[in-house]
Amino acid sequence: MRLFARSVKLENTVRVAFSVQFLGRMEEASALMNERFPELGVDPWEYKEMSWINATISISERAHRMEGLLNRVDVSRTNQKAKSDFVSKPIPEKAFEGVWERLMREEHDFYLIMDPLGGRNDRISESDLPFPHRKGTLYNIQYLINWKVNNATESRKCMKSIRDLYKFMKPFVTHGPRAAYLNYRDLDIGRNPRDGRATYSQARKWGKKYFKGNFDRLVQVKSHVDPNNFFRNEQSIPVFRE
């Protein structure tokens, strides 16, 4: 399940949509939703039964046919900035009211996307795999803003909007460190030098946010299998250097 929240200017409101993918038959999904989320009032006609690959196509922003999933070229020509948080305690209603106010003030497409965790995720130790956000984590938040006019003025405005919202959310999300999701790459939290030769102390500023205690082990593996740091990017795992 995923929750999308965005402002709708013409209606002067914030619209929330739920997107759910269920591995099973439509009848099973309908019975489960009626049991667990009766307040959503999902009607039978709102379910679509399809193969897994077609479900992937249906949620893709780029592909309309199976072959389109192989296309790695982004033709949207839209600028965007994303940031992320993890939540371990319920966020007060008053805080969400502050979020909605900020979404409503923004003239560009501004989204709040929430992905719940729990279930099988809780039964995996945070040290078993690089992804450490396990038991005790309620959900992940992605903040996303899009803008089409590619100039410095618009870019500065949008970057300020999303950074202001991120700052506002600080009291309500994880801390020590304030965790982030690797796949929502955010260079605001730190980046390697342009030559890629980051030290451990430099990279841990962002590495601990993505990987928590697993970052140290990832540095050890990287130092062993790629000691010359051939594979690198703005936030790649560094080779250990003092």
Protein backbone atom coordinates (compact mmCIF):
# COMPACT_ATOMS: atom_id res chain seq x y z
CA MET A 1 0.00 0.00 0.00
CA ARG A 2 1.15 3.51 -0.79
CA LEU A 3 -0.44 6.84 0.10
CA PHE A 4 -0.17 9.89 -2.18
CA ALA A 5 -1.09 13.36 -0.90
CA ARG A 6 -1.05 16.44 -3.12
CA SER A 7 -2.76 19.81 -3.27
CA VAL A 8 -5.60 20.42 -5.74
CA LYS A 9 -5.65 24.14 -6.43
CA LEU A 10 -9.03 24.27 -8.19
CA GLU A 11 -10.70 22.58 -5.23
CA ASN A 12 -8.62 24.40 -2.60
CA THR A 13 -7.94 21.13 -0.82
CA VAL A 14 -5.44 18.31 -0.42
CA ARG A 15 -6.36 15.07 -2.16
CA VAL A 16 -5.15 11.74 -0.77
CA ALA A 17 -5.06 8.58 -2.89
CA PHE A 18 -4.27 5.02 -1.85
CA SER A 19 -2.52 2.64 -4.23
CA VAL A 20 -2.43 -1.04 -3.26
CA GLN A 21 -0.79 -4.08 -4.85
CA PHE A 22 -1.92 -7.49 -3.57
CA LEU A 23 -0.42 -10.85 -4.56
CA GLY A 24 -3.51 -13.02 -4.82
CA ARG A 25 -7.02 -13.14 -6.25
CA MET A 26 -9.33 -10.14 -6.39
CA GLU A 27 -11.83 -11.77 -4.02
CA GLU A 28 -9.12 -12.21 -1.39
CA ALA A 29 -8.01 -8.60 -1.72
CA SER A 30 -11.58 -7.33 -1.42
CA ALA A 31 -12.26 -9.38 1.72
CA LEU A 32 -8.99 -8.23 3.31
CA MET A 33 -9.61 -4.55 2.55
CA ASN A 34 -13.16 -4.74 3.95
CA GLU A 35 -11.79 -6.33 7.13
CA ARG A 36 -8.73 -4.12 7.69
CA PHE A 37 -9.73 -0.79 6.09
CA PRO A 38 -13.54 -0.56 6.03
CA GLU A 39 -13.30 3.24 6.38
CA LEU A 40 -11.88 3.48 2.84
CA GLY A 41 -15.10 2.05 1.37
CA VAL A 42 -13.38 0.40 -1.62
CA ASP A 43 -15.94 -0.79 -4.20
CA PRO A 44 -15.50 -4.06 -6.16
CA TRP A 45 -15.15 -2.21 -9.48
CA GLU A 46 -12.05 -0.43 -8.17
CA TYR A 47 -10.00 -3.66 -8.19
CA LYS A 48 -8.10 -4.72 -11.30
CA GLU A 49 -6.76 -8.26 -11.55
CA MET A 50 -3.67 -8.68 -13.73
CA SER A 51 -0.29 -10.38 -13.98
CA TRP A 52 2.64 -9.08 -11.94
CA ILE A 53 4.39 -7.65 -15.00
CA ASN A 54 1.23 -5.81 -16.10
CA ALA A 55 0.86 -4.45 -12.57
CA THR A 56 4.40 -3.09 -12.88
CA ILE A 57 3.45 -1.38 -16.15
CA SER A 58 0.28 0.09 -14.60
CA ILE A 59 2.23 1.95 -11.91
CA SER A 60 5.10 2.97 -14.20
CA GLU A 61 5.34 6.65 -15.16
CA ARG A 62 7.13 5.81 -18.41
CA ALA A 63 5.92 2.45 -19.73
CA HIS A 64 2.59 1.73 -21.44
CA ARG A 65 3.76 -1.57 -22.92
CA MET A 66 6.08 -4.28 -21.64
CA GLU A 67 8.90 -3.15 -23.94
CA GLY A 68 8.76 0.30 -22.35
CA LEU A 69 10.16 -1.09 -19.10
CA LEU A 70 13.50 -1.48 -20.87
CA ASN A 71 13.64 2.22 -21.77
CA ARG A 72 16.01 4.01 -19.38
CA VAL A 73 15.67 7.41 -21.08
CA ASP A 74 13.63 9.97 -19.16
CA VAL A 75 11.60 11.95 -21.69
CA SER A 76 9.42 13.78 -19.15
CA ARG A 77 11.59 16.92 -19.24
CA THR A 78 10.48 17.66 -15.69
CA ASN A 79 12.82 18.86 -12.96
CA GLN A 80 12.35 17.33 -9.55
CA LYS A 81 13.78 17.20 -6.08
CA ALA A 82 13.12 14.47 -3.51
CA LYS A 83 13.90 14.10 0.18
CA SER A 84 12.89 11.38 2.63
CA ASP A 85 12.29 10.46 6.25
CA PHE A 86 11.39 7.43 8.34
CA VAL A 87 8.76 7.57 11.08
CA SER A 88 8.83 5.51 14.28
CA LYS A 89 6.10 7.27 16.27
CA PRO A 90 2.64 8.44 15.11
CA ILE A 91 2.74 11.98 13.78
CA PRO A 92 0.20 14.31 15.49
CA GLU A 93 -2.75 15.54 13.46
CA LYS A 94 -1.62 19.11 14.10
CA ALA A 95 1.64 18.39 12.31
CA PHE A 96 -0.17 17.09 9.24
CA GLU A 97 -2.27 20.25 9.20
CA GLY A 98 1.01 22.17 8.92
CA VAL A 99 2.04 19.92 6.04
CA TRP A 100 -1.26 20.48 4.20
CA GLU A 101 -0.88 24.25 4.60
CA ARG A 102 2.55 24.10 2.97
CA LEU A 103 1.32 21.91 0.11
CA MET A 104 -1.55 24.33 -0.53
CA ARG A 105 0.77 27.34 -0.69
CA GLU A 106 2.98 25.75 -3.35
CA GLU A 107 2.21 26.58 -7.00
CA HIS A 108 4.15 23.59 -8.35
CA ASP A 109 3.35 19.88 -8.07
CA PHE A 110 4.25 19.06 -4.49
CA TYR A 111 3.68 15.55 -3.12
CA LEU A 112 3.87 13.67 0.14
CA ILE A 113 4.19 9.91 -0.47
CA MET A 114 4.05 7.43 2.42
CA ASP A 115 4.97 3.73 2.26
CA PRO A 116 4.08 1.63 5.33
CA LEU A 117 6.54 -0.91 6.68
CA GLY A 118 5.97 -3.67 9.25
CA GLY A 119 4.89 -7.25 8.49
CA ARG A 120 7.67 -9.39 7.06
CA ASN A 121 10.00 -6.38 7.20
CA ASP A 122 9.87 -6.48 11.02
CA ARG A 123 11.03 -10.09 11.15
CA ILE A 124 14.33 -9.33 9.41
CA SER A 125 17.19 -8.10 11.58
CA GLU A 126 18.45 -4.64 10.62
CA SER A 127 21.97 -6.11 10.31
CA ASP A 128 20.98 -8.95 7.92
CA LEU A 129 20.83 -6.72 4.83
CA PRO A 130 22.11 -3.21 3.99
CA PHE A 131 18.56 -1.77 4.34
CA PRO A 132 18.36 -1.27 8.14
CA HIS A 133 14.92 0.30 8.66
CA ARG A 134 13.19 -2.68 10.26
CA LYS A 135 11.25 -3.36 13.47
CA GLY A 136 9.92 -0.20 15.09
CA THR A 137 9.73 1.77 11.83
CA LEU A 138 6.12 2.63 10.93
CA TYR A 139 6.57 4.07 7.45
CA ASN A 140 8.74 6.00 5.05
CA ILE A 141 7.93 9.48 3.73
CA GLN A 142 9.04 10.84 0.39
CA TYR A 143 8.75 14.58 -0.21
CA LEU A 144 8.70 15.31 -3.94
CA ILE A 145 8.40 18.52 -5.91
CA ASN A 146 8.29 18.86 -9.73
CA TRP A 147 8.70 21.92 -11.89
CA LYS A 148 8.82 22.32 -15.67
CA VAL A 149 10.38 25.75 -16.18
CA ASN A 150 14.11 25.12 -16.19
CA ASN A 151 15.66 28.30 -14.83
CA ALA A 152 17.53 29.33 -11.71
CA THR A 153 14.66 31.34 -10.19
CA GLU A 154 12.14 28.49 -10.35
CA SER A 155 14.71 25.98 -9.17
CA ARG A 156 15.61 28.08 -6.12
CA LYS A 157 11.94 28.53 -5.20
CA CYS A 158 11.20 24.81 -5.42
CA MET A 159 14.34 23.79 -3.58
CA LYS A 160 13.46 26.23 -0.79
CA SER A 161 9.92 24.87 -0.56
CA ILE A 162 10.97 21.25 -0.12
CA ARG A 163 13.81 22.11 2.25
CA ASP A 164 11.44 24.20 4.39
CA LEU A 165 9.00 21.28 4.62
CA TYR A 166 11.86 18.92 5.51
CA LYS A 167 12.94 21.30 8.28
CA PHE A 168 9.34 21.54 9.57
CA MET A 169 9.11 17.73 9.83
CA LYS A 170 12.28 17.32 11.91
CA PRO A 171 10.54 16.95 15.34
CA PHE A 172 8.23 14.21 14.05
CA VAL A 173 10.63 11.77 12.39
CA THR A 174 13.55 9.54 13.38
CA HIS A 175 16.66 11.07 14.87
CA GLY A 176 20.14 10.01 15.91
CA PRO A 177 20.55 9.82 12.94
CA ARG A 178 17.67 11.31 10.99
CA ALA A 179 17.28 8.37 8.62
CA ALA A 180 16.82 8.58 4.84
CA TYR A 181 15.99 6.12 2.05
CA LEU A 182 18.81 5.41 -0.39
CA ASN A 183 16.57 5.15 -3.46
CA TYR A 184 15.30 8.70 -2.90
CA ARG A 185 18.78 10.06 -3.46
CA ASP A 186 19.28 13.34 -1.60
CA LEU A 187 22.58 15.18 -2.03
CA ASP A 188 21.53 17.73 0.60
CA ILE A 189 22.53 15.29 3.34
CA GLY A 190 26.09 14.96 2.04
CA ARG A 191 28.09 13.92 -1.01
CA ASN A 192 31.50 12.64 -1.93
CA PRO A 193 34.12 15.04 -3.36
CA ARG A 194 34.03 15.35 -7.14
CA ASP A 195 37.12 13.19 -7.50
CA GLY A 196 35.31 10.42 -5.61
CA ARG A 197 38.04 10.14 -2.97
CA ALA A 198 35.88 10.50 0.12
CA THR A 199 37.23 9.60 3.52
CA TYR A 200 35.25 7.49 5.96
CA SER A 201 34.55 10.52 8.16
CA GLN A 202 33.24 12.51 5.17
CA ALA A 203 30.97 9.75 3.86
CA ARG A 204 29.55 8.70 7.22
CA LYS A 205 27.56 11.98 7.34
CA TRP A 206 25.17 10.57 4.75
CA GLY A 207 26.07 6.88 5.03
CA LYS A 208 24.73 6.54 8.57
CA LYS A 209 21.42 8.09 7.48
CA TYR A 210 20.94 5.52 4.72
CA PHE A 211 22.47 2.43 6.35
CA LYS A 212 22.78 3.15 10.11
CA GLY A 213 25.13 0.59 11.70
CA ASN A 214 25.51 -1.31 8.43
CA PHE A 215 27.53 1.53 6.92
CA ASP A 216 30.73 0.42 8.66
CA ARG A 217 30.39 -3.13 7.31
CA LEU A 218 29.68 -1.81 3.80
CA VAL A 219 32.89 0.23 3.95
CA GLN A 220 34.82 -2.92 4.90
CA VAL A 221 33.32 -4.84 1.97
CA LYS A 222 33.99 -1.99 -0.45
CA SER A 223 37.60 -1.70 0.71
CA HIS A 224 38.08 -5.42 0.09
CA VAL A 225 36.38 -5.88 -3.30
CA ASP A 226 37.02 -2.45 -4.89
CA PRO A 227 40.14 -1.02 -3.18
CA ASN A 228 40.81 1.37 -6.09
CA ASN A 229 37.27 2.81 -5.86
CA PHE A 230 36.52 2.17 -9.54
CA PHE A 231 32.75 2.09 -8.96
CA ARG A 232 31.77 5.44 -7.50
CA ASN A 233 29.19 8.21 -7.59
CA GLU A 234 28.15 11.18 -5.47
CA GLN A 235 27.10 8.93 -2.59
CA SER A 236 28.89 5.66 -3.22
CA ILE A 237 30.39 3.68 -0.35
CA PRO A 238 33.99 4.87 0.16
CA VAL A 239 37.19 2.91 0.51
CA PHE A 240 38.43 3.21 4.09
CA ARG A 241 40.94 6.04 4.49
CA GLU A 242 41.87 7.87 7.66
